[in-house]
Protein backbone atom coordinates (compact mmCIF):
# COMPACT_ATOMS: atom_id res chain seq x y z
CA HIS A 1 -15.19 10.66 -2.23
CA ALA A 2 -14.00 13.70 -4.40
CA ASP A 3 -11.56 12.30 -6.93
CA ILE A 4 -8.18 12.99 -5.77
CA SER A 5 -5.74 11.51 -8.51
CA GLY A 6 -3.19 13.43 -9.59
CA PHE A 7 -3.35 16.16 -6.61
CA SER A 8 0.07 16.48 -5.08
CA VAL A 9 0.91 14.82 -1.72
CA GLU A 10 2.52 17.13 1.02
CA ALA A 11 4.51 15.56 3.73
CA LEU A 12 5.02 17.03 6.87
CA ASP A 13 8.18 18.55 5.67
CA GLY A 14 7.73 19.27 1.92
CA SER A 15 6.03 17.73 -1.30
CA ILE A 16 6.44 13.91 -2.07
CA GLY A 17 5.12 13.28 -5.34
CA LYS A 18 1.26 12.78 -7.21
CA VAL A 19 -1.65 10.85 -5.69
CA ASP A 20 -1.38 8.01 -8.74
CA ASP A 21 -4.49 6.38 -7.79
CA ALA A 22 -6.92 6.29 -5.23
CA THR A 23 -9.05 3.38 -3.90
CA TYR A 24 -11.93 3.12 -1.63
CA ASP A 25 -12.09 -0.24 -0.25
CA MET A 26 -13.83 -0.34 2.84
CA GLY A 27 -11.47 -1.33 5.76
CA SER A 28 -7.89 -1.11 3.85
CA SER A 29 -8.39 2.69 2.12
CA HIS A 30 -4.88 4.06 0.78
CA ILE A 31 -3.75 6.23 -1.63
CA VAL A 32 -0.49 4.97 -3.97
CA VAL A 33 1.75 8.40 -4.77
CA ASP A 34 3.67 8.41 -7.69
CA THR A 35 7.33 9.91 -6.05
CA GLY A 36 8.72 10.40 -9.87
CA PRO A 37 12.37 11.85 -9.52
CA TRP A 38 12.69 11.37 -5.33
CA ILE A 39 12.67 8.06 -4.72
CA PHE A 40 13.41 7.55 -8.46
CA GLY A 41 10.31 6.58 -9.54
CA LYS A 42 9.06 4.82 -6.60
CA LYS A 43 5.33 4.41 -5.80
CA VAL A 44 4.81 4.56 -2.06
CA MET A 45 1.04 3.29 -0.48
CA LEU A 46 -0.55 5.29 2.25
CA PRO A 47 -2.77 3.95 4.67
CA ALA A 48 -6.02 7.03 4.45
CA GLY A 49 -5.39 7.50 7.99
CA ILE A 50 -2.24 9.16 7.73
CA VAL A 51 -3.91 11.96 5.68
CA ARG A 52 -4.95 14.87 7.84
CA GLY A 53 -6.20 17.16 5.31
CA ILE A 54 -7.12 17.20 1.77
CA ASP A 55 -7.29 20.95 0.03
CA GLU A 56 -9.94 20.30 -2.94
CA THR A 57 -9.07 24.21 -4.43
CA GLU A 58 -5.34 23.43 -4.58
CA GLU A 59 -5.18 19.88 -5.36
CA ARG A 60 -3.28 18.93 -2.26
CA VAL A 61 -3.18 16.16 -0.15
CA PHE A 62 -1.60 16.84 3.29
CA VAL A 63 -0.17 13.48 5.48
CA ASN A 64 0.92 13.46 8.81
CA ARG A 65 4.26 11.97 8.13
CA THR A 66 7.73 13.06 7.43
CA LYS A 67 9.45 12.56 3.61
CA GLU A 68 12.03 10.16 5.44
CA GLN A 69 9.20 8.00 7.23
CA ILE A 70 7.52 7.75 3.70
CA LYS A 71 10.54 7.06 2.10
CA ALA A 72 11.58 4.39 4.71
CA ALA A 73 7.98 2.22 4.50
CA PRO A 74 7.94 -1.07 2.46
CA GLN A 75 7.97 -0.55 -1.38
CA VAL A 76 4.98 -0.82 -3.33
CA ASP A 77 4.91 -4.07 -5.78
CA GLU A 78 2.40 -3.92 -8.19
CA ALA A 79 1.91 -7.67 -8.08
CA VAL A 80 1.44 -7.51 -4.26
CA VAL A 81 -0.30 -4.17 -3.84
CA ALA A 82 -3.46 -6.05 -3.18
CA GLU A 83 -2.55 -9.21 -0.90
CA ASP A 84 -3.21 -8.96 2.86
CA ALA A 85 0.04 -9.54 4.00
CA TYR A 86 1.67 -6.35 2.41
CA ARG A 87 -1.24 -4.07 3.69
CA SER A 88 -0.78 -6.23 6.62
CA ASP A 89 2.96 -5.17 6.93
CA LEU A 90 2.17 -1.71 5.76
CA GLY A 91 -0.51 -1.23 8.48
CA ALA A 92 2.31 -2.46 11.24
CA TYR A 93 4.56 0.04 9.84
CA TYR A 94 2.19 2.99 10.27
CA GLY A 95 0.59 1.92 13.23
CA PRO A 96 1.37 2.28 16.86
CA GLY A 97 4.83 0.45 17.22
CA GLY A 98 5.80 0.74 14.17
CA ALA A 99 8.70 2.70 12.51
CA GLY A 100 6.58 5.25 10.66
CA TYR A 101 4.31 5.53 13.21
CA ARG A 102 3.62 9.45 14.17
CA ASP A 103 0.86 10.23 17.45
CA TRP A 104 -0.92 13.72 16.64
CA ASP A 105 1.06 15.22 19.94
CA ASP A 106 4.26 14.38 18.81
CA SER A 107 6.30 17.46 18.24
CA PHE A 108 9.17 17.29 15.71
């Protein structure tokens, strides 16, 4: 995998910040995004499954969600990032039937 730390992250409707850290654990791949002033310095974790593309030349990561969907996701607490329950909550949020789920064929 390419190192995407520091890449800007683009939601469907604009930039949401930069990749803070990237992990490639089997079965729990996600990226942590430092949103900077957009959500008052909050970090958000995005499952790798919602990444729709990476432009290594432009150093941008594109995700298949809107800014509002990402803003409403469960917040990252550094102490619980590795905990299965948090990842499960995140998976439920972004997964089918969750508030942050988006089918590939959905139109805006």
